[in-house]
Amino acid sequence: MPKNNFQTQDTQGIQGQSTLRSRCLNLPKKRSFRELDRRTQVAVILAGIIELTLMFAALRDLRRRPVQLARGPKPLWAVVSCLNVLGSISYFVFGRRKDPQN
């Protein structure tokens, strides 16, 4: 008998039935990268390249920007920029101040 309600059933349910979790959520089978069609593989690779490019650009800009022209602590923006693509975009939108000399 389970100790709490959060324990899941074994991978093989009673009499060969699927588990309770897979029956309730109706999740698709997990596929590897090689099982994806060519267009999806290209889209995943391009999304990764865009994300990495934005992250490196944000970190480079943050490193070169004086402390007075950054909104908030620079180490915090570095962490936010590394989280995902939204972190890098948020740095470019909200984390930079305009240079008054230009």
N, C-alpha and C. Protein backbone atom coordinates (compact mmCIF):
# COMPACT_ATOMS: atom_id res chain seq x y z
N MET A 1 0.84 -1.17 0.00
CA MET A 1 0.00 0.00 0.00
C MET A 1 0.89 1.24 0.00
N PRO A 2 0.60 2.24 -0.87
CA PRO A 2 1.44 3.43 -0.94
C PRO A 2 1.36 4.24 0.34
N LYS A 3 2.49 4.90 0.68
CA LYS A 3 2.55 5.72 1.88
C LYS A 3 1.81 7.04 1.69
N ASN A 4 1.82 7.58 0.47
CA ASN A 4 1.10 8.82 0.20
C ASN A 4 0.48 8.75 -1.18
N ASN A 5 -0.26 9.76 -1.53
CA ASN A 5 -0.96 9.77 -2.81
C ASN A 5 -0.06 10.16 -3.97
N PHE A 6 1.18 10.55 -3.71
CA PHE A 6 2.08 11.02 -4.75
C PHE A 6 2.91 9.91 -5.37
N GLN A 7 2.88 8.73 -4.83
CA GLN A 7 3.65 7.64 -5.42
C GLN A 7 2.96 7.17 -6.70
N THR A 8 3.77 6.84 -7.69
CA THR A 8 3.22 6.38 -8.95
C THR A 8 3.25 4.87 -9.02
N GLN A 9 2.50 4.34 -9.96
CA GLN A 9 2.49 2.90 -10.14
C GLN A 9 3.77 2.47 -10.84
N ASP A 10 3.99 1.16 -10.90
CA ASP A 10 5.11 0.63 -11.66
C ASP A 10 4.94 0.98 -13.13
N THR A 11 6.01 0.76 -13.92
CA THR A 11 5.93 1.07 -15.34
C THR A 11 4.93 0.15 -16.04
N GLN A 12 4.71 -1.01 -15.53
CA GLN A 12 3.73 -1.93 -16.09
C GLN A 12 2.57 -2.02 -15.12
N GLY A 13 1.40 -1.55 -15.52
CA GLY A 13 0.23 -1.54 -14.64
C GLY A 13 -0.33 -2.93 -14.43
N ILE A 14 -1.47 -2.98 -13.82
CA ILE A 14 -2.14 -4.24 -13.53
C ILE A 14 -2.59 -4.89 -14.83
N GLN A 15 -2.27 -6.15 -15.02
CA GLN A 15 -2.64 -6.97 -16.17
C GLN A 15 -2.25 -6.32 -17.49
N GLY A 16 -1.04 -5.74 -17.55
CA GLY A 16 -0.53 -5.23 -18.81
C GLY A 16 -1.07 -3.88 -19.22
N GLN A 17 -1.86 -3.22 -18.39
CA GLN A 17 -2.38 -1.91 -18.73
C GLN A 17 -1.28 -0.87 -18.57
N SER A 18 -1.45 0.25 -19.25
CA SER A 18 -0.47 1.33 -19.11
C SER A 18 -0.62 1.96 -17.73
N THR A 19 0.36 2.74 -17.34
CA THR A 19 0.33 3.32 -16.01
C THR A 19 -0.76 4.38 -15.91
N LEU A 20 -1.09 4.70 -14.69
CA LEU A 20 -2.12 5.70 -14.42
C LEU A 20 -1.71 7.04 -15.00
N ARG A 21 -0.44 7.40 -14.88
CA ARG A 21 0.03 8.68 -15.37
C ARG A 21 -0.12 8.80 -16.88
N SER A 22 0.29 7.79 -17.61
CA SER A 22 0.21 7.87 -19.06
C SER A 22 -1.24 7.82 -19.55
N ARG A 23 -2.12 7.16 -18.82
CA ARG A 23 -3.53 7.13 -19.21
C ARG A 23 -4.18 8.48 -18.98
N CYS A 24 -3.84 9.15 -17.88
CA CYS A 24 -4.48 10.43 -17.57
C CYS A 24 -3.95 11.55 -18.44
N LEU A 25 -2.66 11.60 -18.67
CA LEU A 25 -2.06 12.71 -19.40
C LEU A 25 -2.07 12.50 -20.91
N ASN A 26 -2.15 11.27 -21.35
CA ASN A 26 -2.16 10.93 -22.77
C ASN A 26 -0.96 11.57 -23.48
N LEU A 27 0.24 11.34 -22.96
CA LEU A 27 1.46 11.92 -23.49
C LEU A 27 1.94 11.15 -24.72
N PRO A 28 2.49 11.87 -25.71
CA PRO A 28 3.06 11.16 -26.87
C PRO A 28 4.37 10.49 -26.48
N LYS A 29 4.76 9.52 -27.30
CA LYS A 29 6.02 8.82 -27.06
C LYS A 29 7.18 9.78 -27.26
N LYS A 30 8.16 9.69 -26.38
CA LYS A 30 9.34 10.54 -26.46
C LYS A 30 10.20 10.08 -27.64
N ARG A 31 10.59 11.05 -28.49
CA ARG A 31 11.39 10.72 -29.67
C ARG A 31 12.78 11.30 -29.54
N SER A 32 13.74 10.63 -30.14
CA SER A 32 15.10 11.15 -30.15
C SER A 32 15.25 12.15 -31.30
N PHE A 33 16.37 12.86 -31.31
CA PHE A 33 16.62 13.86 -32.35
C PHE A 33 16.65 13.22 -33.73
N ARG A 34 17.21 12.04 -33.83
CA ARG A 34 17.30 11.36 -35.13
C ARG A 34 15.94 10.92 -35.68
N GLU A 35 14.96 10.76 -34.81
CA GLU A 35 13.62 10.35 -35.25
C GLU A 35 12.79 11.52 -35.76
N LEU A 36 13.25 12.75 -35.55
CA LEU A 36 12.53 13.92 -36.04
C LEU A 36 12.73 14.06 -37.54
N ASP A 37 11.75 14.69 -38.22
CA ASP A 37 11.92 14.90 -39.65
C ASP A 37 12.96 16.01 -39.87
N ARG A 38 13.43 16.13 -41.09
CA ARG A 38 14.56 17.01 -41.42
C ARG A 38 14.26 18.48 -41.10
N ARG A 39 13.04 18.95 -41.41
CA ARG A 39 12.68 20.34 -41.16
C ARG A 39 12.71 20.65 -39.66
N THR A 40 12.25 19.73 -38.85
CA THR A 40 12.24 19.94 -37.40
C THR A 40 13.66 19.96 -36.85
N GLN A 41 14.52 19.08 -37.37
CA GLN A 41 15.92 19.08 -36.95
C GLN A 41 16.59 20.43 -37.27
N VAL A 42 16.35 20.94 -38.47
CA VAL A 42 16.93 22.23 -38.87
C VAL A 42 16.39 23.34 -37.99
N ALA A 43 15.10 23.31 -37.68
CA ALA A 43 14.49 24.34 -36.83
C ALA A 43 15.09 24.31 -35.42
N VAL A 44 15.32 23.13 -34.88
CA VAL A 44 15.91 23.01 -33.54
C VAL A 44 17.33 23.54 -33.54
N ILE A 45 18.10 23.22 -34.57
CA ILE A 45 19.49 23.69 -34.67
C ILE A 45 19.53 25.21 -34.83
N LEU A 46 18.66 25.77 -35.67
CA LEU A 46 18.62 27.22 -35.85
C LEU A 46 18.20 27.94 -34.58
N ALA A 47 17.23 27.39 -33.86
CA ALA A 47 16.80 27.99 -32.59
C ALA A 47 17.94 27.99 -31.58
N GLY A 48 18.71 26.92 -31.55
CA GLY A 48 19.87 26.86 -30.66
C GLY A 48 20.94 27.87 -31.02
N ILE A 49 21.19 28.03 -32.31
CA ILE A 49 22.19 29.00 -32.77
C ILE A 49 21.74 30.42 -32.41
N ILE A 50 20.48 30.72 -32.62
CA ILE A 50 19.96 32.05 -32.29
C ILE A 50 20.07 32.31 -30.79
N GLU A 51 19.70 31.32 -30.00
CA GLU A 51 19.76 31.48 -28.54
C GLU A 51 21.20 31.71 -28.07
N LEU A 52 22.14 30.92 -28.58
CA LEU A 52 23.53 31.10 -28.18
C LEU A 52 24.11 32.43 -28.64
N THR A 53 23.74 32.87 -29.84
CA THR A 53 24.21 34.15 -30.36
C THR A 53 23.71 35.30 -29.50
N LEU A 54 22.43 35.27 -29.15
CA LEU A 54 21.87 36.32 -28.28
C LEU A 54 22.54 36.31 -26.91
N MET A 55 22.78 35.12 -26.37
CA MET A 55 23.40 35.04 -25.05
C MET A 55 24.82 35.61 -25.08
N PHE A 56 25.62 35.23 -26.07
CA PHE A 56 26.99 35.74 -26.16
C PHE A 56 27.00 37.24 -26.42
N ALA A 57 26.08 37.74 -27.23
CA ALA A 57 26.02 39.18 -27.49
C ALA A 57 25.64 39.94 -26.22
N ALA A 58 24.70 39.41 -25.45
CA ALA A 58 24.31 40.06 -24.21
C ALA A 58 25.46 40.06 -23.21
N LEU A 59 26.14 38.94 -23.08
CA LEU A 59 27.26 38.87 -22.14
C LEU A 59 28.42 39.78 -22.57
N ARG A 60 28.67 39.85 -23.86
CA ARG A 60 29.73 40.72 -24.36
C ARG A 60 29.40 42.18 -24.12
N ASP A 61 28.16 42.56 -24.41
CA ASP A 61 27.73 43.93 -24.17
C ASP A 61 27.77 44.26 -22.68
N LEU A 62 27.36 43.34 -21.86
CA LEU A 62 27.36 43.55 -20.41
C LEU A 62 28.78 43.72 -19.88
N ARG A 63 29.71 42.94 -20.40
CA ARG A 63 31.10 43.03 -19.96
C ARG A 63 31.72 44.38 -20.33
N ARG A 64 31.38 44.90 -21.50
CA ARG A 64 31.97 46.15 -21.97
C ARG A 64 31.25 47.40 -21.45
N ARG A 65 30.03 47.26 -20.99
CA ARG A 65 29.23 48.39 -20.55
C ARG A 65 29.65 48.85 -19.16
N PRO A 66 29.83 50.16 -18.96
CA PRO A 66 30.15 50.66 -17.62
C PRO A 66 28.99 50.41 -16.64
N VAL A 67 29.32 50.33 -15.37
CA VAL A 67 28.32 50.03 -14.35
C VAL A 67 27.20 51.07 -14.35
N GLN A 68 27.54 52.32 -14.63
CA GLN A 68 26.54 53.39 -14.61
C GLN A 68 25.50 53.25 -15.71
N LEU A 69 25.82 52.52 -16.76
CA LEU A 69 24.90 52.36 -17.89
C LEU A 69 24.14 51.04 -17.85
N ALA A 70 24.24 50.32 -16.76
CA ALA A 70 23.47 49.08 -16.60
C ALA A 70 22.42 49.32 -15.53
N ARG A 71 21.20 48.86 -15.79
CA ARG A 71 20.13 48.99 -14.81
C ARG A 71 20.17 47.76 -13.91
N GLY A 72 20.66 47.94 -12.71
CA GLY A 72 20.76 46.84 -11.78
C GLY A 72 22.15 46.26 -11.76
N PRO A 73 22.37 45.27 -10.89
CA PRO A 73 23.70 44.67 -10.77
C PRO A 73 24.07 43.85 -12.01
N LYS A 74 25.28 44.04 -12.48
CA LYS A 74 25.75 43.33 -13.66
C LYS A 74 25.80 41.80 -13.47
N PRO A 75 26.22 41.30 -12.29
CA PRO A 75 26.20 39.83 -12.12
C PRO A 75 24.80 39.23 -12.25
N LEU A 76 23.80 39.95 -11.78
CA LEU A 76 22.42 39.46 -11.92
C LEU A 76 22.02 39.40 -13.38
N TRP A 77 22.36 40.42 -14.15
CA TRP A 77 22.04 40.40 -15.57
C TRP A 77 22.79 39.31 -16.31
N ALA A 78 24.00 38.99 -15.86
CA ALA A 78 24.76 37.90 -16.48
C ALA A 78 24.03 36.57 -16.27
N VAL A 79 23.53 36.35 -15.07
CA VAL A 79 22.80 35.11 -14.80
C VAL A 79 21.51 35.06 -15.59
N VAL A 80 20.78 36.17 -15.62
CA VAL A 80 19.51 36.22 -16.36
C VAL A 80 19.76 35.98 -17.84
N SER A 81 20.83 36.53 -18.38
CA SER A 81 21.13 36.37 -19.80
C SER A 81 21.47 34.92 -20.17
N CYS A 82 21.97 34.16 -19.20
CA CYS A 82 22.33 32.76 -19.47
C CYS A 82 21.16 31.80 -19.31
N LEU A 83 20.05 32.26 -18.77
CA LEU A 83 18.94 31.35 -18.51
C LEU A 83 18.32 30.81 -19.79
N ASN A 84 17.85 31.67 -20.64
CA ASN A 84 17.29 31.27 -21.92
C ASN A 84 17.22 32.48 -22.83
N VAL A 85 16.59 32.35 -23.96
CA VAL A 85 16.55 33.43 -24.93
C VAL A 85 15.79 34.64 -24.38
N LEU A 86 14.80 34.43 -23.54
CA LEU A 86 14.06 35.55 -22.96
C LEU A 86 14.92 36.37 -22.01
N GLY A 87 15.87 35.74 -21.35
CA GLY A 87 16.78 36.47 -20.48
C GLY A 87 17.66 37.42 -21.25
N SER A 88 18.18 36.97 -22.38
CA SER A 88 19.02 37.83 -23.21
C SER A 88 18.23 38.98 -23.79
N ILE A 89 17.03 38.69 -24.26
CA ILE A 89 16.18 39.74 -24.82
C ILE A 89 15.80 40.74 -23.74
N SER A 90 15.50 40.26 -22.54
CA SER A 90 15.13 41.19 -21.46
C SER A 90 16.31 42.08 -21.07
N TYR A 91 17.52 41.57 -21.16
CA TYR A 91 18.68 42.43 -20.90
C TYR A 91 18.75 43.55 -21.92
N PHE A 92 18.60 43.22 -23.21
CA PHE A 92 18.69 44.25 -24.24
C PHE A 92 17.55 45.27 -24.14
N VAL A 93 16.38 44.83 -23.68
CA VAL A 93 15.23 45.73 -23.59
C VAL A 93 15.25 46.54 -22.29
N PHE A 94 15.48 45.88 -21.16
CA PHE A 94 15.33 46.52 -19.85
C PHE A 94 16.64 46.79 -19.11
N GLY A 95 17.70 46.10 -19.42
CA GLY A 95 18.91 46.16 -18.62
C GLY A 95 19.92 47.20 -19.00
N ARG A 96 19.70 47.89 -20.11
CA ARG A 96 20.69 48.87 -20.56
C ARG A 96 20.13 50.27 -20.49
N ARG A 97 20.99 51.22 -20.14
CA ARG A 97 20.63 52.63 -20.19
C ARG A 97 21.30 53.25 -21.41
N LYS A 98 20.69 54.29 -21.91
CA LYS A 98 21.27 55.01 -23.06
C LYS A 98 22.51 55.75 -22.62
N ASP A 99 23.50 55.79 -23.47
CA ASP A 99 24.72 56.54 -23.19
C ASP A 99 24.44 58.03 -23.44
N PRO A 100 24.53 58.87 -22.41
CA PRO A 100 24.19 60.29 -22.59
C PRO A 100 25.16 61.03 -23.51
N GLN A 101 26.33 60.50 -23.75
CA GLN A 101 27.31 61.17 -24.61
C GLN A 101 27.03 60.98 -26.08
N ASN A 102 26.27 59.95 -26.43
CA ASN A 102 25.97 59.68 -27.85
C ASN A 102 24.64 60.22 -28.23
